[in-house]
Amino acid sequence: MSENKPVKRKLWHKEDVVEMDRQVEEYNAGKDIGYDQILVPYDVVGSVAYAKMLHKYGILDDGELAELEKGLGEIQSLYDEGKFEVTLENEDCHTAIESYLVENYGDVGKKIHTARSRNDQVIVTERLYMRDKIAEIRGLAVKAALEFARSAKEHEFVPMPGYTHTQKAMPTTVGMWLAS
C-alpha cells in the first residue's frame, strides 16, 4: 500500500489549490503512467514540430527555439538511456516533458504550450505512435506474406484435399493453399 502523503502541486493547479492526496493521485494516474512512458518519444517529436511552428509565426525567437530543441533533445537522450521517467507526480508524459523544460529552461519551457490544446497534443502524440506501430505491423505482414510465398513454392506439388463446406471436394496442393 502507498504512503498517504500529498504529492506536489500540478502544473494545472491554481495558486489556491492545496496539494493532492496521494491516494487520489494514484487513482487519477493509475496504470496510465506505464503507457505514457511509451509515448515520451512521440510527444517529443510533436513538441519539436510545434516549437518550430511557434518560431515560424514569430511567437518564439531563434534563441528560444534553440533552447526548446536542446531541452527536447535532452529528454529524448535521457529517455533512450532509460533515465527519463514519467512519475506519479507528473501524471502523464506531456506534463513530465513540460516540467523538465520549465525546471531546466525556465519561462521558455512554458512557451511550448502557447495556444496549444492538451487534447491536440494528446492526439498528435497518439497518431505518431500509431503511425509507427502500423508501419511495424505492415513490415511483419510483408514478412509473413513473403514466407507464405516461399513456402508455397517449396510445397507446390505436395498433394492435399481441398474442402468445401467442411467436406473434401477436390484435390489440391499445400502450395496452392499457402499461396491463396
C-alpha atoms as a PDB file:
ATOM      1  CA  MET A   1       0.000   0.000   0.000  1.00  0.00           C
ATOM      2  CA  SER A   2       1.232   3.501  -0.765  1.00  0.00           C
ATOM      3  CA  GLU A   3       2.153   6.240   1.639  1.00  0.00           C
ATOM      4  CA  ASN A   4      -0.732   8.615   2.156  1.00  0.00           C
ATOM      5  CA  LYS A   5       1.345  11.782   1.874  1.00  0.00           C
ATOM      6  CA  PRO A   6       0.309  14.527  -0.525  1.00  0.00           C
ATOM      7  CA  VAL A   7       2.027  14.984  -3.872  1.00  0.00           C
ATOM      8  CA  LYS A   8       3.320  18.308  -5.134  1.00  0.00           C
ATOM      9  CA  ARG A   9       1.085  20.739  -6.946  1.00  0.00           C
ATOM     10  CA  LYS A  10       0.391  20.077 -10.627  1.00  0.00           C
ATOM     11  CA  LEU A  11       1.211  22.486 -13.428  1.00  0.00           C
ATOM     12  CA  TRP A  12      -2.502  22.947 -13.996  1.00  0.00           C
ATOM     13  CA  HIS A  13      -3.391  23.742 -10.348  1.00  0.00           C
ATOM     14  CA  LYS A  14      -4.455  27.246  -9.409  1.00  0.00           C
ATOM     15  CA  GLU A  15      -2.428  29.076  -6.761  1.00  0.00           C
ATOM     16  CA  ASP A  16      -5.002  28.491  -4.000  1.00  0.00           C
ATOM     17  CA  VAL A  17      -5.262  24.713  -4.540  1.00  0.00           C
ATOM     18  CA  VAL A  18      -3.754  22.572  -1.816  1.00  0.00           C
ATOM     19  CA  GLU A  19      -1.651  19.529  -2.601  1.00  0.00           C
ATOM     20  CA  MET A  20      -3.470  16.438  -3.785  1.00  0.00           C
ATOM     21  CA  ASP A  21      -3.786  13.379  -1.564  1.00  0.00           C
ATOM     22  CA  ARG A  22      -1.562  10.525  -2.772  1.00  0.00           C
ATOM     23  CA  GLN A  23      -4.457   8.022  -2.977  1.00  0.00           C
ATOM     24  CA  VAL A  24      -6.435  10.394  -5.180  1.00  0.00           C
ATOM     25  CA  GLU A  25      -3.325  10.853  -7.300  1.00  0.00           C
ATOM     26  CA  GLU A  26      -2.862   7.096  -7.679  1.00  0.00           C
ATOM     27  CA  TYR A  27      -6.496   6.724  -8.665  1.00  0.00           C
ATOM     28  CA  ASN A  28      -6.210   9.503 -11.272  1.00  0.00           C
ATOM     29  CA  ALA A  29      -2.948   8.342 -12.854  1.00  0.00           C
ATOM     30  CA  GLY A  30      -3.305   4.635 -12.162  1.00  0.00           C
ATOM     31  CA  LYS A  31      -1.601   2.348 -14.644  1.00  0.00           C
ATOM     32  CA  ASP A  32      -1.575   5.087 -17.283  1.00  0.00           C
ATOM     33  CA  ILE A  33       1.947   6.094 -16.264  1.00  0.00           C
ATOM     34  CA  GLY A  34       3.405   2.984 -17.900  1.00  0.00           C
ATOM     35  CA  TYR A  35       1.558   3.697 -21.128  1.00  0.00           C
ATOM     36  CA  ASP A  36       2.611   7.339 -21.029  1.00  0.00           C
ATOM     37  CA  GLN A  37       6.229   6.273 -20.630  1.00  0.00           C
ATOM     38  CA  ILE A  38       5.991   4.581 -24.041  1.00  0.00           C
ATOM     39  CA  LEU A  39       4.628   7.803 -25.581  1.00  0.00           C
ATOM     40  CA  VAL A  40       7.512  10.071 -24.492  1.00  0.00           C
ATOM     41  CA  PRO A  41       9.487   9.966 -27.777  1.00  0.00           C
ATOM     42  CA  TYR A  42       6.337  10.644 -29.791  1.00  0.00           C
ATOM     43  CA  ASP A  43       5.425  13.627 -27.626  1.00  0.00           C
ATOM     44  CA  VAL A  44       8.985  14.926 -28.042  1.00  0.00           C
ATOM     45  CA  VAL A  45       8.653  14.754 -31.853  1.00  0.00           C
ATOM     46  CA  GLY A  46       5.297  16.541 -31.702  1.00  0.00           C
ATOM     47  CA  SER A  47       6.703  19.190 -29.362  1.00  0.00           C
ATOM     48  CA  VAL A  48       9.695  19.870 -31.629  1.00  0.00           C
ATOM     49  CA  ALA A  49       7.337  20.342 -34.587  1.00  0.00           C
ATOM     50  CA  TYR A  50       5.107  22.611 -32.503  1.00  0.00           C
ATOM     51  CA  ALA A  51       8.081  24.708 -31.354  1.00  0.00           C
ATOM     52  CA  LYS A  52       9.136  25.147 -34.997  1.00  0.00           C
ATOM     53  CA  MET A  53       5.626  26.312 -35.856  1.00  0.00           C
ATOM     54  CA  LEU A  54       5.695  28.815 -32.968  1.00  0.00           C
ATOM     55  CA  HIS A  55       9.017  30.096 -34.303  1.00  0.00           C
ATOM     56  CA  LYS A  56       7.681  30.346 -37.868  1.00  0.00           C
ATOM     57  CA  TYR A  57       4.880  32.629 -36.647  1.00  0.00           C
ATOM     58  CA  GLY A  58       7.172  34.782 -34.512  1.00  0.00           C
ATOM     59  CA  ILE A  59       5.993  33.538 -31.122  1.00  0.00           C
ATOM     60  CA  LEU A  60       9.433  32.087 -30.352  1.00  0.00           C
ATOM     61  CA  ASP A  61      12.648  33.853 -31.285  1.00  0.00           C
ATOM     62  CA  ASP A  62      15.706  31.986 -32.582  1.00  0.00           C
ATOM     63  CA  GLY A  63      17.215  31.607 -29.110  1.00  0.00           C
ATOM     64  CA  GLU A  64      14.010  30.292 -27.562  1.00  0.00           C
ATOM     65  CA  LEU A  65      13.560  27.761 -30.347  1.00  0.00           C
ATOM     66  CA  ALA A  66      17.161  26.611 -29.894  1.00  0.00           C
ATOM     67  CA  GLU A  67      16.644  26.227 -26.135  1.00  0.00           C
ATOM     68  CA  LEU A  68      13.450  24.217 -26.570  1.00  0.00           C
ATOM     69  CA  GLU A  69      15.029  21.996 -29.216  1.00  0.00           C
ATOM     70  CA  LYS A  70      18.011  21.446 -26.928  1.00  0.00           C
ATOM     71  CA  GLY A  71      15.759  20.604 -23.981  1.00  0.00           C
ATOM     72  CA  LEU A  72      13.596  18.252 -26.022  1.00  0.00           C
ATOM     73  CA  GLY A  73      16.753  16.612 -27.373  1.00  0.00           C
ATOM     74  CA  GLU A  74      17.958  16.117 -23.799  1.00  0.00           C
ATOM     75  CA  ILE A  75      14.652  14.496 -22.896  1.00  0.00           C
ATOM     76  CA  GLN A  76      14.954  12.125 -25.864  1.00  0.00           C
ATOM     77  CA  SER A  77      18.545  11.242 -24.902  1.00  0.00           C
ATOM     78  CA  LEU A  78      17.561  10.644 -21.279  1.00  0.00           C
ATOM     79  CA  TYR A  79      14.640   8.512 -22.456  1.00  0.00           C
ATOM     80  CA  ASP A  80      16.900   6.471 -24.735  1.00  0.00           C
ATOM     81  CA  GLU A  81      19.220   5.867 -21.758  1.00  0.00           C
ATOM     82  CA  GLY A  82      16.276   4.848 -19.555  1.00  0.00           C
ATOM     83  CA  LYS A  83      16.724   7.929 -17.363  1.00  0.00           C
ATOM     84  CA  PHE A  84      13.614   9.961 -18.221  1.00  0.00           C
ATOM     85  CA  GLU A  85      10.670   8.661 -16.289  1.00  0.00           C
ATOM     86  CA  VAL A  86       7.031   9.648 -16.113  1.00  0.00           C
ATOM     87  CA  THR A  87       6.202   9.655 -12.412  1.00  0.00           C
ATOM     88  CA  LEU A  88       3.022   9.760 -10.382  1.00  0.00           C
ATOM     89  CA  GLU A  89       3.730  13.426  -9.689  1.00  0.00           C
ATOM     90  CA  ASN A  90       3.909  14.159 -13.429  1.00  0.00           C
ATOM     91  CA  GLU A  91       0.714  12.211 -14.121  1.00  0.00           C
ATOM     92  CA  ASP A  92       1.444  11.875 -17.859  1.00  0.00           C
ATOM     93  CA  CYS A  93       4.207  12.239 -20.444  1.00  0.00           C
ATOM     94  CA  HIS A  94       3.029  15.681 -21.540  1.00  0.00           C
ATOM     95  CA  THR A  95       3.357  17.108 -18.028  1.00  0.00           C
ATOM     96  CA  ALA A  96       6.661  15.285 -17.450  1.00  0.00           C
ATOM     97  CA  ILE A  97       8.123  16.896 -20.565  1.00  0.00           C
ATOM     98  CA  GLU A  98       6.787  20.358 -19.760  1.00  0.00           C
ATOM     99  CA  SER A  99       8.015  20.078 -16.159  1.00  0.00           C
ATOM    100  CA  TYR A 100      11.504  19.151 -17.357  1.00  0.00           C
ATOM    101  CA  LEU A 101      11.581  22.104 -19.742  1.00  0.00           C
ATOM    102  CA  VAL A 102      10.360  24.561 -17.097  1.00  0.00           C
ATOM    103  CA  GLU A 103      12.735  23.224 -14.420  1.00  0.00           C
ATOM    104  CA  ASN A 104      15.751  23.305 -16.734  1.00  0.00           C
ATOM    105  CA  TYR A 105      14.973  26.214 -19.072  1.00  0.00           C
ATOM    106  CA  GLY A 106      12.665  28.460 -17.059  1.00  0.00           C
ATOM    107  CA  ASP A 107       9.921  30.503 -18.682  1.00  0.00           C
ATOM    108  CA  VAL A 108      10.829  29.430 -22.221  1.00  0.00           C
ATOM    109  CA  GLY A 109       9.733  25.935 -21.161  1.00  0.00           C
ATOM    110  CA  LYS A 110       6.236  27.278 -20.552  1.00  0.00           C
ATOM    111  CA  LYS A 111       6.044  28.672 -24.080  1.00  0.00           C
ATOM    112  CA  ILE A 112       5.840  25.186 -25.599  1.00  0.00           C
ATOM    113  CA  HIS A 113       2.125  25.268 -24.752  1.00  0.00           C
ATOM    114  CA  THR A 114       1.342  28.694 -26.192  1.00  0.00           C
ATOM    115  CA  ALA A 115      -2.060  28.342 -27.904  1.00  0.00           C
ATOM    116  CA  ARG A 116      -1.678  24.555 -27.701  1.00  0.00           C
ATOM    117  CA  SER A 117      -4.632  22.446 -26.688  1.00  0.00           C
ATOM    118  CA  ARG A 118      -3.795  19.481 -24.477  1.00  0.00           C
ATOM    119  CA  ASN A 119      -6.309  17.467 -26.488  1.00  0.00           C
ATOM    120  CA  ASP A 120      -4.495  18.342 -29.722  1.00  0.00           C
ATOM    121  CA  GLN A 121      -1.189  17.402 -28.104  1.00  0.00           C
ATOM    122  CA  VAL A 122      -2.555  14.033 -26.998  1.00  0.00           C
ATOM    123  CA  ILE A 123      -3.981  13.304 -30.451  1.00  0.00           C
ATOM    124  CA  VAL A 124      -0.705  14.198 -32.201  1.00  0.00           C
ATOM    125  CA  THR A 125       1.273  12.010 -29.792  1.00  0.00           C
ATOM    126  CA  GLU A 126      -1.083   9.066 -30.216  1.00  0.00           C
ATOM    127  CA  ARG A 127      -1.177   9.422 -34.010  1.00  0.00           C
ATOM    128  CA  LEU A 128       2.617   9.453 -34.198  1.00  0.00           C
ATOM    129  CA  TYR A 129       2.676   6.325 -32.021  1.00  0.00           C
ATOM    130  CA  MET A 130       0.027   4.612 -34.160  1.00  0.00           C
ATOM    131  CA  ARG A 131       1.820   5.534 -37.388  1.00  0.00           C
ATOM    132  CA  ASP A 132       4.983   3.928 -36.034  1.00  0.00           C
ATOM    133  CA  LYS A 133       3.177   0.795 -34.855  1.00  0.00           C
ATOM    134  CA  ILE A 134       1.215   0.456 -38.104  1.00  0.00           C
ATOM    135  CA  ALA A 135       4.491   0.612 -40.044  1.00  0.00           C
ATOM    136  CA  GLU A 136       5.864  -2.080 -37.728  1.00  0.00           C
ATOM    137  CA  ILE A 137       2.792  -4.285 -38.263  1.00  0.00           C
ATOM    138  CA  ARG A 138       2.964  -3.681 -42.020  1.00  0.00           C
ATOM    139  CA  GLY A 139       6.575  -4.845 -42.018  1.00  0.00           C
ATOM    140  CA  LEU A 140       5.611  -8.008 -40.153  1.00  0.00           C
ATOM    141  CA  ALA A 141       2.714  -8.641 -42.566  1.00  0.00           C
ATOM    142  CA  VAL A 142       5.054  -8.298 -45.553  1.00  0.00           C
ATOM    143  CA  LYS A 143       7.489 -10.747 -43.941  1.00  0.00           C
ATOM    144  CA  ALA A 144       4.638 -13.209 -43.342  1.00  0.00           C
ATOM    145  CA  ALA A 145       3.399 -12.873 -46.945  1.00  0.00           C
ATOM    146  CA  LEU A 146       6.901 -13.456 -48.302  1.00  0.00           C
ATOM    147  CA  GLU A 147       7.266 -16.527 -46.112  1.00  0.00           C
ATOM    148  CA  PHE A 148       3.905 -17.879 -47.317  1.00  0.00           C
ATOM    149  CA  ALA A 149       5.025 -17.332 -50.928  1.00  0.00           C
ATOM    150  CA  ARG A 150       8.360 -19.047 -50.276  1.00  0.00           C
ATOM    151  CA  SER A 151       6.688 -21.969 -48.550  1.00  0.00           C
ATOM    152  CA  ALA A 152       4.032 -22.214 -51.293  1.00  0.00           C
ATOM    153  CA  LYS A 153       6.769 -22.603 -53.904  1.00  0.00           C
ATOM    154  CA  GLU A 154       8.519 -25.205 -51.731  1.00  0.00           C
ATOM    155  CA  HIS A 155       5.282 -27.220 -51.346  1.00  0.00           C
ATOM    156  CA  GLU A 156       3.991 -26.631 -54.874  1.00  0.00           C
ATOM    157  CA  PHE A 157       3.487 -30.347 -55.602  1.00  0.00           C
ATOM    158  CA  VAL A 158       2.560 -31.678 -52.136  1.00  0.00           C
ATOM    159  CA  PRO A 159      -0.996 -33.025 -52.501  1.00  0.00           C
ATOM    160  CA  MET A 160      -3.780 -32.342 -50.047  1.00  0.00           C
ATOM    161  CA  PRO A 161      -7.574 -32.413 -50.155  1.00  0.00           C
ATOM    162  CA  GLY A 162      -9.451 -29.204 -50.868  1.00  0.00           C
ATOM    163  CA  TYR A 163     -12.604 -28.653 -48.827  1.00  0.00           C
ATOM    164  CA  THR A 164     -15.985 -27.073 -49.480  1.00  0.00           C
ATOM    165  CA  HIS A 165     -18.421 -26.736 -46.585  1.00  0.00           C
ATOM    166  CA  THR A 166     -16.100 -28.884 -44.420  1.00  0.00           C
ATOM    167  CA  GLN A 167     -16.221 -31.780 -46.916  1.00  0.00           C
ATOM    168  CA  LYS A 168     -13.479 -32.986 -49.224  1.00  0.00           C
ATOM    169  CA  ALA A 169     -14.308 -31.505 -52.608  1.00  0.00           C
ATOM    170  CA  MET A 170     -11.254 -31.554 -54.876  1.00  0.00           C
ATOM    171  CA  PRO A 171      -7.586 -32.427 -54.972  1.00  0.00           C
ATOM    172  CA  THR A 172      -5.214 -29.506 -54.468  1.00  0.00           C
ATOM    173  CA  THR A 173      -1.712 -28.905 -53.126  1.00  0.00           C
ATOM    174  CA  VAL A 174      -0.235 -27.430 -49.983  1.00  0.00           C
ATOM    175  CA  GLY A 175       1.445 -24.885 -52.256  1.00  0.00           C
ATOM    176  CA  MET A 176      -1.903 -23.787 -53.707  1.00  0.00           C
ATOM    177  CA  TRP A 177      -3.372 -23.489 -50.200  1.00  0.00           C
ATOM    178  CA  LEU A 178      -0.398 -21.447 -48.928  1.00  0.00           C
ATOM    179  CA  ALA A 179      -0.479 -19.162 -51.968  1.00  0.00           C
ATOM    180  CA  SER A 180      -4.160 -18.440 -51.544  1.00  0.00           C
END
